[in-house]
Protein backbone atom coordinates (compact mmCIF):
# COMPACT_ATOMS: atom_id res chain seq x y z
CA MET A 1 68.52 51.42 123.27
CA SER A 2 68.74 47.88 121.72
CA SER A 3 65.88 46.63 123.82
CA MET A 4 62.66 45.51 122.26
CA LEU A 5 60.84 47.53 124.71
CA PHE A 6 62.26 50.90 124.34
CA PHE A 7 60.54 52.13 121.02
CA PRO A 8 57.24 50.51 121.90
CA ALA A 9 57.20 52.17 125.29
CA ILE A 10 57.81 55.70 123.63
CA TYR A 11 55.25 55.12 121.03
CA ALA A 12 52.68 53.88 123.63
CA LEU A 13 53.31 56.83 126.00
CA VAL A 14 52.99 59.36 122.96
CA ALA A 15 49.78 57.69 121.77
CA LEU A 16 48.25 57.92 125.15
CA LEU A 17 49.00 61.46 125.99
CA LEU A 18 47.84 62.47 122.30
CA SER A 19 44.74 60.65 122.93
CA PHE A 20 43.88 62.64 126.23
CA ALA A 21 44.93 65.91 124.87
CA LEU A 22 42.67 65.34 121.63
CA ALA A 23 39.72 64.36 123.74
CA GLN A 24 40.01 67.49 125.87
CA TRP A 25 40.36 69.79 122.72
CA ASP A 26 37.40 67.99 121.14
CA ALA A 27 35.36 68.69 124.48
CA ALA A 28 36.44 72.20 124.73
CA ASP A 29 36.41 73.19 121.07
CA PRO A 30 34.10 70.82 118.96
CA VAL A 31 34.50 70.94 115.15
CA THR A 32 31.07 70.88 113.68
CA ASP A 33 31.65 72.01 110.09
CA VAL A 34 33.80 69.27 108.81
CA PHE A 35 32.37 65.74 109.61
CA SER A 36 28.95 64.94 110.55
CA VAL A 37 29.85 61.69 112.48
CA SER A 38 28.02 61.42 115.72
CA ALA A 39 29.66 60.52 119.07
CA ALA A 40 28.16 57.02 119.01
CA SER A 41 29.37 56.28 115.44
CA ALA A 42 32.80 57.40 116.40
CA GLN A 43 32.81 55.24 119.57
CA VAL A 44 31.98 52.26 117.45
CA THR A 45 34.74 52.97 114.83
CA MET A 46 37.38 53.42 117.56
CA SER A 47 36.30 50.15 119.33
CA ALA A 48 36.48 48.28 116.07
CA LEU A 49 39.92 49.84 115.32
CA ALA A 50 41.22 48.93 118.74
CA SER A 51 40.22 45.17 118.56
CA GLY A 52 41.28 45.04 114.85
CA MET A 53 44.62 46.55 115.65
CA LEU A 54 45.29 43.93 118.45
CA ALA A 55 44.51 41.04 116.28
CA PHE A 56 46.53 42.40 113.48
CA THR A 57 49.62 42.88 115.67
CA GLY A 58 49.52 39.27 116.90
CA PHE A 59 49.20 38.15 113.37
CA VAL A 60 52.00 40.06 112.01
CA THR A 61 54.36 39.28 114.78
CA SER A 62 53.80 35.60 114.26
CA VAL A 63 54.19 35.65 110.44
CA VAL A 64 57.37 37.67 110.80
CA LEU A 65 59.05 35.53 113.34
CA LEU A 66 58.26 32.29 111.29
CA ILE A 67 59.69 33.90 108.43
CA VAL A 68 62.79 34.79 110.21
CA GLN A 69 63.11 31.32 111.87
CA PHE A 70 62.72 29.60 108.40
CA GLY A 71 65.09 32.04 106.69
CA THR A 72 67.80 31.94 109.37
CA SER A 73 67.70 28.16 109.47
CA GLU A 74 68.88 28.07 106.04
CA PHE A 75 71.74 30.46 106.74
CA SER A 76 73.00 30.24 110.36
CA PRO A 77 71.83 30.77 113.82
CA ARG A 78 74.64 33.30 114.23
CA LEU A 79 72.72 35.55 112.00
CA VAL A 80 69.49 35.73 114.13
CA ARG A 81 70.82 38.39 116.49
CA TRP A 82 72.39 40.34 113.62
CA LEU A 83 69.24 40.52 111.57
CA ARG A 84 67.50 41.57 114.81
CA SER A 85 69.77 44.86 114.76
CA ASP A 86 67.41 46.07 111.94
CA ARG A 87 64.81 48.31 113.71
CA THR A 88 62.12 48.05 111.10
CA LEU A 89 60.25 45.16 113.00
CA ASN A 90 60.64 47.28 116.35
CA LEU A 91 59.25 50.36 114.87
CA SER A 92 56.34 48.50 112.92
CA LEU A 93 55.42 46.99 116.15
CA SER A 94 55.66 50.22 117.86
CA ALA A 95 53.29 51.91 115.33
CA PHE A 96 50.71 49.14 115.61
CA ILE A 97 50.71 49.19 119.36
CA ALA A 98 50.30 53.01 119.35
CA THR A 99 47.37 52.80 117.04
CA PHE A 100 45.66 50.23 119.28
CA LEU A 101 46.59 52.00 122.44
CA PHE A 102 45.27 55.45 121.06
CA ALA A 103 41.91 53.83 119.59
CA LEU A 104 41.51 52.21 123.00
CA ALA A 105 41.97 55.23 125.12
CA SER A 106 39.98 57.48 122.63
CA THR A 107 37.15 55.00 123.01
CA ALA A 108 36.93 55.23 126.56
CA GLN A 109 36.66 59.04 126.51
CA ILE A 110 33.96 59.53 123.90
CA SER A 111 30.62 60.50 125.55
CA THR A 112 27.39 59.01 124.02
CA ALA A 113 25.25 61.45 125.84
CA SER A 114 22.65 63.35 123.80
CA GLY A 115 24.17 66.36 122.46
CA ALA A 116 27.77 65.12 123.09
CA PRO A 117 30.31 66.59 120.60
CA SER A 118 31.85 64.55 118.04
CA PRO A 119 35.53 63.63 118.62
CA THR A 120 36.68 65.02 115.18
CA ARG A 121 40.26 65.64 116.00
CA SER A 122 40.72 62.13 117.58
CA LEU A 123 39.18 60.67 114.44
CA ILE A 124 41.62 62.24 112.22
CA ALA A 125 44.47 61.15 114.41
CA ALA A 126 43.13 57.62 114.37
CA THR A 127 42.90 57.68 110.82
CA ALA A 128 46.49 59.05 110.27
CA LEU A 129 47.81 56.32 112.75
CA THR A 130 46.04 53.76 110.78
CA LEU A 131 47.69 54.87 107.43
CA LEU A 132 50.95 54.89 109.32
CA SER A 133 50.55 51.28 110.41
CA ILE A 134 49.66 50.30 106.88
CA LEU A 135 52.71 51.91 105.51
CA MET A 136 54.85 50.16 108.40
CA PHE A 137 53.36 46.93 107.40
CA LEU A 138 54.25 47.16 103.83
CA LEU A 139 57.70 48.60 104.71
CA LEU A 140 58.29 45.60 107.24
CA ILE A 141 57.06 42.83 104.67
CA GLU A 142 59.50 44.48 102.13
CA ARG A 143 62.45 44.59 104.41
CA THR A 144 61.87 41.16 105.82
CA MET A 145 61.60 39.46 102.44
CA ASN A 146 64.56 41.30 101.04
CA GLY A 147 66.54 41.01 103.99
CA LEU A 148 66.57 37.36 104.01
CA ARG A 149 67.86 36.85 100.52
CA VAL A 150 71.17 35.40 100.66
CA ALA A 151 72.65 38.10 98.34
CA ASN A 152 71.47 40.68 100.82
CA VAL A 153 72.63 38.85 103.74
CA VAL A 154 76.22 38.37 102.77
CA GLN A 155 76.48 41.80 101.27
CA GLN A 156 75.32 43.37 104.50
CA VAL A 157 77.75 41.27 106.35
CA ASP A 158 80.49 42.42 104.12
CA ALA A 159 79.69 45.95 104.60
CA SER A 160 79.43 45.66 108.48
CA ALA A 161 82.72 43.69 108.64
CA ARG A 162 84.70 46.49 106.78
CA ARG A 163 83.63 48.89 109.36
CA VAL A 164 84.82 46.51 112.06
CA PHE A 165 88.07 46.05 110.52
CA ASP A 166 88.63 49.83 110.22
CA VAL A 167 87.97 50.22 113.97
CA VAL A 168 90.05 47.27 115.26
CA TYR A 169 93.12 47.20 113.56
CA PRO A 170 95.80 50.15 113.56
CA THR A 171 95.17 52.50 110.71
CA SER A 172 98.82 53.58 109.92
CA GLN A 173 102.42 51.93 109.95
CA SER A 174 103.31 54.28 112.93
CA ASP A 175 100.33 53.04 115.11
CA ALA A 176 101.27 49.49 114.18
CA GLU A 177 104.85 49.86 115.37
CA ARG A 178 103.96 51.91 118.46
CA ALA A 179 101.70 48.86 119.17
CA GLN A 180 104.52 46.15 118.84
CA LEU A 181 106.81 48.61 121.00
CA THR A 182 104.30 48.76 123.60
CA ALA A 183 103.63 45.19 123.71
CA GLN A 184 107.50 44.46 123.75
CA ARG A 185 107.62 46.61 127.02
CA VAL A 186 104.73 45.23 128.88
CA SER A 187 105.89 41.74 128.49
CA ASN A 188 108.68 42.29 130.59
CA GLU A 189 106.42 44.09 133.26
CA THR A 190 104.33 42.64 136.01
CA PRO A 191 100.77 44.02 136.02
CA ILE A 192 99.75 45.93 138.98
CA GLN A 193 96.00 45.11 138.53
CA THR A 194 94.32 42.13 136.99
CA ILE A 195 90.67 42.12 136.38
CA TYR A 196 88.62 38.68 136.34
CA ALA A 197 85.25 37.48 135.21
CA GLY A 198 82.50 36.84 137.19
CA ALA A 199 81.33 33.56 138.55
CA VAL A 200 79.53 32.57 135.12
CA GLY A 201 81.37 32.19 132.07
CA SER A 202 80.68 34.68 129.27
CA VAL A 203 81.62 35.91 125.89
CA ILE A 204 83.41 39.20 125.38
CA ALA A 205 80.94 40.94 122.88
CA THR A 206 82.80 44.23 122.64
CA LEU A 207 84.74 46.95 124.37
CA ASP A 208 84.12 50.27 125.31
CA GLN A 209 87.42 51.82 123.85
CA VAL A 210 86.73 55.38 124.87
CA ALA A 211 86.18 54.55 128.41
CA LEU A 212 89.17 52.31 128.74
CA VAL A 213 91.37 54.81 126.96
CA ALA A 214 90.25 57.57 129.39
CA LEU A 215 90.95 55.47 132.48
CA ALA A 216 94.23 54.42 131.11
CA LYS A 217 95.12 57.97 130.61
CA ARG A 218 94.20 59.21 133.80
CA GLY A 219 96.14 56.73 135.53
CA ASP A 220 98.87 57.11 133.10
CA ALA A 221 98.70 53.25 132.39
CA VAL A 222 98.44 50.65 129.71
CA ILE A 223 95.52 48.31 129.69
CA GLN A 224 95.98 44.99 127.96
CA MET A 225 92.97 42.66 127.24
CA ARG A 226 93.81 39.20 128.13
CA GLN A 227 91.40 37.61 125.91
CA ALA A 228 90.25 38.67 122.29
CA VAL A 229 86.75 39.83 121.53
CA GLY A 230 84.70 36.87 120.60
CA ASP A 231 86.64 34.65 123.11
CA HIS A 232 84.39 32.71 125.78
CA VAL A 233 85.92 33.76 129.21
CA PRO A 234 85.54 30.95 131.94
CA ALA A 235 84.26 31.59 135.51
CA ASN A 236 86.79 33.72 137.39
CA GLY A 237 88.88 33.95 134.17
CA SER A 238 91.38 36.81 133.62
CA LEU A 239 89.58 39.60 131.59
CA LEU A 240 92.43 42.24 131.49
CA SER A 241 95.62 43.57 133.06
CA VAL A 242 96.84 47.03 134.10
CA TYR A 243 100.38 48.15 133.74
CA GLY A 244 101.42 51.47 135.41
CA THR A 245 102.09 52.93 138.90
CA LYS A 246 98.55 52.89 140.33
CA ARG A 247 95.44 51.01 140.11
CA LEU A 248 92.23 51.80 138.27
CA PRO A 249 88.75 51.81 139.24
CA GLU A 250 87.91 48.07 138.95
CA ALA A 251 84.11 48.63 138.79
CA ARG A 252 84.60 51.08 135.73
CA LEU A 253 87.06 48.70 134.09
CA ARG A 254 84.50 45.77 134.42
CA ARG A 255 81.75 47.92 132.76
CA SER A 256 84.03 48.81 129.93
CA VAL A 257 84.20 45.05 128.83
CA ILE A 258 80.80 43.99 127.68
CA LEU A 259 80.01 40.54 128.18
CA ASP A 260 77.13 38.57 126.60
CA ASP A 261 76.06 35.01 126.17
CA GLU A 262 77.37 35.00 122.10
CA ARG A 263 79.44 36.82 119.96
CA THR A 264 78.57 40.00 118.20
CA ILE A 265 80.13 41.55 115.07
CA ASP A 266 80.50 44.98 116.70
CA PHE A 267 84.33 44.47 117.68
CA ASP A 268 85.05 41.20 116.22
CA PRO A 269 86.37 40.96 112.76
CA ALA A 270 86.63 37.18 112.71
CA PHE A 271 82.89 36.83 113.59
CA ALA A 272 82.04 38.36 110.14
CA ILE A 273 83.99 35.83 108.40
CA ARG A 274 82.60 33.13 110.72
CA MET A 275 78.93 34.08 109.61
CA LEU A 276 79.80 34.04 105.97
CA VAL A 277 81.51 30.53 106.53
CA ASP A 278 78.57 29.49 108.34
CA VAL A 279 76.38 30.14 105.51
CA ALA A 280 78.49 28.54 103.01
CA ILE A 281 79.08 25.31 104.98
CA LYS A 282 75.23 25.20 105.82
CA ALA A 283 74.56 25.41 102.19
CA LEU A 284 77.02 22.58 101.39
CA SER A 285 75.42 20.09 104.12
CA PRO A 286 73.78 17.10 102.53
CA ALA A 287 70.32 18.34 103.78
CA VAL A 288 70.67 21.49 101.80
CA ASN A 289 72.97 20.77 98.99
CA ASP A 290 73.08 24.24 97.68
CA PRO A 291 76.58 25.06 96.28
CA THR A 292 75.40 28.22 94.30
CA THR A 293 74.73 29.87 98.05
CA ALA A 294 78.22 28.84 99.04
CA VAL A 295 79.70 30.48 96.12
CA GLN A 296 77.85 33.65 96.93
CA SER A 297 79.41 33.67 100.39
CA ILE A 298 82.71 33.03 98.99
CA ASP A 299 82.45 35.88 96.69
CA ARG A 300 82.04 38.08 99.95
CA ILE A 301 84.97 36.30 101.79
CA GLU A 302 87.36 37.03 99.10
CA ASP A 303 86.37 40.64 99.36
CA LEU A 304 87.06 40.76 103.28
CA LEU A 305 90.32 38.98 102.54
CA ARG A 306 91.28 41.54 100.15
CA TYR A 307 90.17 44.40 102.41
CA ALA A 308 91.94 42.73 105.36
CA SER A 309 95.09 42.34 103.41
CA GLY A 310 95.61 46.17 103.54
CA LYS A 311 95.46 46.52 107.15
CA HIS A 312 98.13 46.28 109.68
CA LEU A 313 97.20 43.09 111.14
CA SER A 314 99.23 43.41 114.43
CA ALA A 315 97.90 43.46 118.02
CA GLY A 316 95.14 45.97 118.16
CA ALA A 317 96.08 49.19 119.85
CA VAL A 318 94.40 52.46 120.73
CA PRO A 319 96.43 55.46 121.42
CA ASP A 320 95.21 58.63 123.37
CA ARG A 321 95.23 62.13 121.57
CA GLU A 322 99.07 62.36 122.33
CA GLY A 323 99.91 59.17 120.65
CA VAL A 324 100.47 57.21 123.67
CA VAL A 325 99.31 53.68 123.49
CA ARG A 326 96.76 53.13 126.16
CA LEU A 327 94.83 49.94 125.27
CA MET A 328 96.00 46.80 123.80
CA TYR A 329 93.83 43.63 122.74
CA PRO A 330 94.55 40.70 120.93
CA THR A 331 93.48 40.36 117.06
CA PRO A 332 93.18 37.57 114.45
CA THR A 333 96.36 37.51 112.31
CA TRP A 334 96.50 37.17 108.58
CA GLU A 335 96.96 33.40 108.93
CA ASP A 336 94.06 33.36 111.32
CA LEU A 337 91.64 34.94 108.75
CA VAL A 338 92.82 32.93 105.82
CA GLU A 339 92.35 29.64 107.77
CA LEU A 340 89.00 30.60 109.10
CA ALA A 341 87.71 31.68 105.87
CA LEU A 342 88.80 28.85 103.79
CA ASN A 343 89.62 25.50 105.84
CA GLU A 344 85.94 24.47 106.56
CA ILE A 345 84.53 25.63 103.02
CA ARG A 346 87.40 23.46 101.63
CA GLN A 347 86.75 20.56 103.86
CA PHE A 348 82.90 20.28 103.11
CA GLY A 349 82.83 21.48 99.47
CA ALA A 350 86.15 20.22 97.71
CA ASN A 351 83.96 17.48 96.29
CA GLN A 352 81.64 20.03 94.69
CA TYR A 353 82.83 21.15 91.31
CA GLN A 354 81.39 24.78 92.07
CA ILE A 355 83.23 24.87 95.25
CA ALA A 356 86.55 23.56 94.17
CA ARG A 357 86.67 25.80 91.26
CA ARG A 358 85.57 29.02 93.16
CA LEU A 359 88.04 28.43 95.81
CA ARG A 360 90.75 27.75 93.12
CA ALA A 361 89.87 31.12 91.46
CA LEU A 362 89.87 33.10 94.89
CA LEU A 363 93.31 31.83 95.65
CA ASP A 364 94.83 32.35 92.24
CA ALA A 365 93.49 35.97 92.33
CA LEU A 366 94.81 36.66 95.71
CA ILE A 367 98.20 35.24 95.08
CA GLY A 368 98.44 37.20 91.82
CA ASP A 369 97.40 40.64 93.57
CA LEU A 370 98.70 40.57 97.03
CA PRO A 371 102.03 41.55 98.29
CA GLU A 372 104.64 38.75 99.08
CA ARG A 373 104.06 38.83 102.81
CA ARG A 374 100.50 37.78 102.42
CA LEU A 375 101.17 34.82 100.17
CA PRO A 376 102.45 31.75 102.31
CA PRO A 377 99.12 31.14 103.98
CA LEU A 378 97.65 31.28 100.47
CA ARG A 379 99.99 29.14 98.87
CA ARG A 380 99.30 26.69 101.54
CA GLN A 381 95.65 26.76 101.08
CA LEU A 382 96.24 26.17 97.36
CA ALA A 383 98.29 22.99 98.08
CA LEU A 384 95.54 21.79 100.56
CA LEU A 385 92.88 22.23 97.75
CA ASP A 386 94.92 20.16 95.43
CA ASP A 387 95.18 17.40 97.80
CA ALA A 388 91.41 17.70 98.71
CA VAL A 389 90.30 17.59 95.07
CA ALA A 390 92.79 14.70 94.40
CA SER A 391 90.91 12.79 97.21
CA ALA A 392 87.57 13.72 96.13
CA PHE A 393 87.43 12.93 92.39
CA PRO A 394 88.79 10.31 90.46
CA GLU A 395 91.43 11.14 87.93
CA SER A 396 89.31 10.92 84.92
CA GLN A 397 86.88 13.63 86.38
CA ARG A 398 89.60 15.83 88.01
CA GLY A 399 90.38 18.08 85.41
CA ASP A 400 87.31 19.96 85.48
CA ALA A 401 87.56 20.44 89.06
CA LEU A 402 90.93 21.87 88.98
CA ILE A 403 89.82 24.68 86.69
CA PRO A 404 89.61 28.34 88.45
CA ASP A 405 86.06 29.64 87.86
CA ARG A 406 84.75 32.68 89.54
CA GLN A 407 81.12 31.47 88.94
CA GLY A 408 81.72 28.02 90.27
CA ILE A 409 80.62 26.56 86.99
CA GLY A 410 80.18 29.03 83.96
CA MET A 411 83.05 31.37 83.34
CA ALA A 412 86.15 28.98 83.45
CA ARG A 413 89.34 30.84 82.78
CA ARG A 414 90.42 28.92 79.72
CA ALA A 415 92.40 29.92 76.70
CA ALA A 416 90.24 30.72 73.71
CA ASP A 417 89.90 28.09 71.13
CA PRO A 418 88.91 29.73 67.78
CA SER A 419 87.82 26.39 66.33
CA GLN A 420 84.88 26.30 68.99
CA ALA A 421 84.01 29.86 68.71
C-alpha cells in the first residue's frame, strides 16, 4: 500500500474501464438533446486534453520534487521519507494519470464517420476528471507549501512521536513490572532458537507485534529482540531469540521483523527526537545560521520530553490477552532520550544567545515540574550548559546568555523593575 504505483494503477484501471463503458453506452444510446458537439469536435477536444494532461503531469511532478528537495535540504534528509508518507502527491498524480488515460482511450474510440453519434457522456466524464485534476493540483500546492513550513514539520513530528511512545512503552505500572520480571527470568535461560539477519546488513524499521505475540503464544514462548528498532544489524547479525520449549517457524519470525535501508518513525521513539535534533543542528550550521528555527525545534523537543517522562521507560514488552509477556524489545531509557535531545544542540548552539537561553528555560522548567527520579540527567545537562556557555562567551557578555527565555530572545524571565515599566 505504501508503493507509489498502487493508487496510480487503480486510478488508471478505473479510467480505462470507464472510458470503454461510456463509449459503448454513447454508441448504443446516444444523447442528442443536451449538447450539439459533433464527433469530430469531441475527438479534437479529447486529443488536446490527453496531450495537455501528459505535459501537465510531468511539469507538476518536476516542480513538486524540486520544492521537496530544496525544502528538506534545509531541514534534514531524514525527513524525506517521512514527508513522502503524505498521500496528497500520490493521489494527485493518480488523478492526472486517470484523466490522461481516459482522454486517450476515449479519443481512440470516437468515430468520425458521417452520422456518428456524439460521445456526450464521455465528454461529461472528461470534464469532471479535468475539474478533479484542477482541484487536486490546488490541494497539492497548498499541502506542499504548508507541509514544508518548519512549524508544521516539527508539529507533525511531535504528534507522530506521541503515538509511537504510546505503542512502544508499557502503558501501566503492572505491565512494566511484568516486563522487568520476564527480562530477569530469560536472562538466566538459554534461548532454544536464534534468528539471524541475512547476508546484507539492514536497519530494523519496525516490528509486527501482533504476529510475533501470536507466534510466541502458540508456542508458549517468549521472543526477545536482540537489537532495538532503529539499530543497524550487520550481515548475519542476531535479530531475535526465542525462549521456551519448542522452536517457532523461522520464516514467519523473519517476516515479522521488517528490515529496511533506513530508520522510520513507525516503532522508533528515538527517531522522532533524532529528526527534531537534525532540524535544529542543521539550522545552527554556519551555512544556514538560523537559530530561530532551532528554537522552534527545541519547543517540540521539550513537549516530547515531558510526554516521555510520564511513560514507564523500561524495556518494551507486549503481553498476550492473558497478561503473559510474549515479546520483549530494547527501548531508549530516559537518560538516552535526554542526551539525544540536548547534547548536540548544546554543542552546536551554546555560542548562540537564543539557543543558550532557550535550553536553560527548557531545563529549568523540566527540573521544576518533573518527579525526582527524572531529574539527575537534567541537572547534568544544566551543568554541561553552564560549562558550554562559559567557554563560548567572554565573562562580560555571559550574563545575557545565562538568562532563561522560552522565546530565545524576547521574553526573559526577569524580576519586574517598576522603574523601567
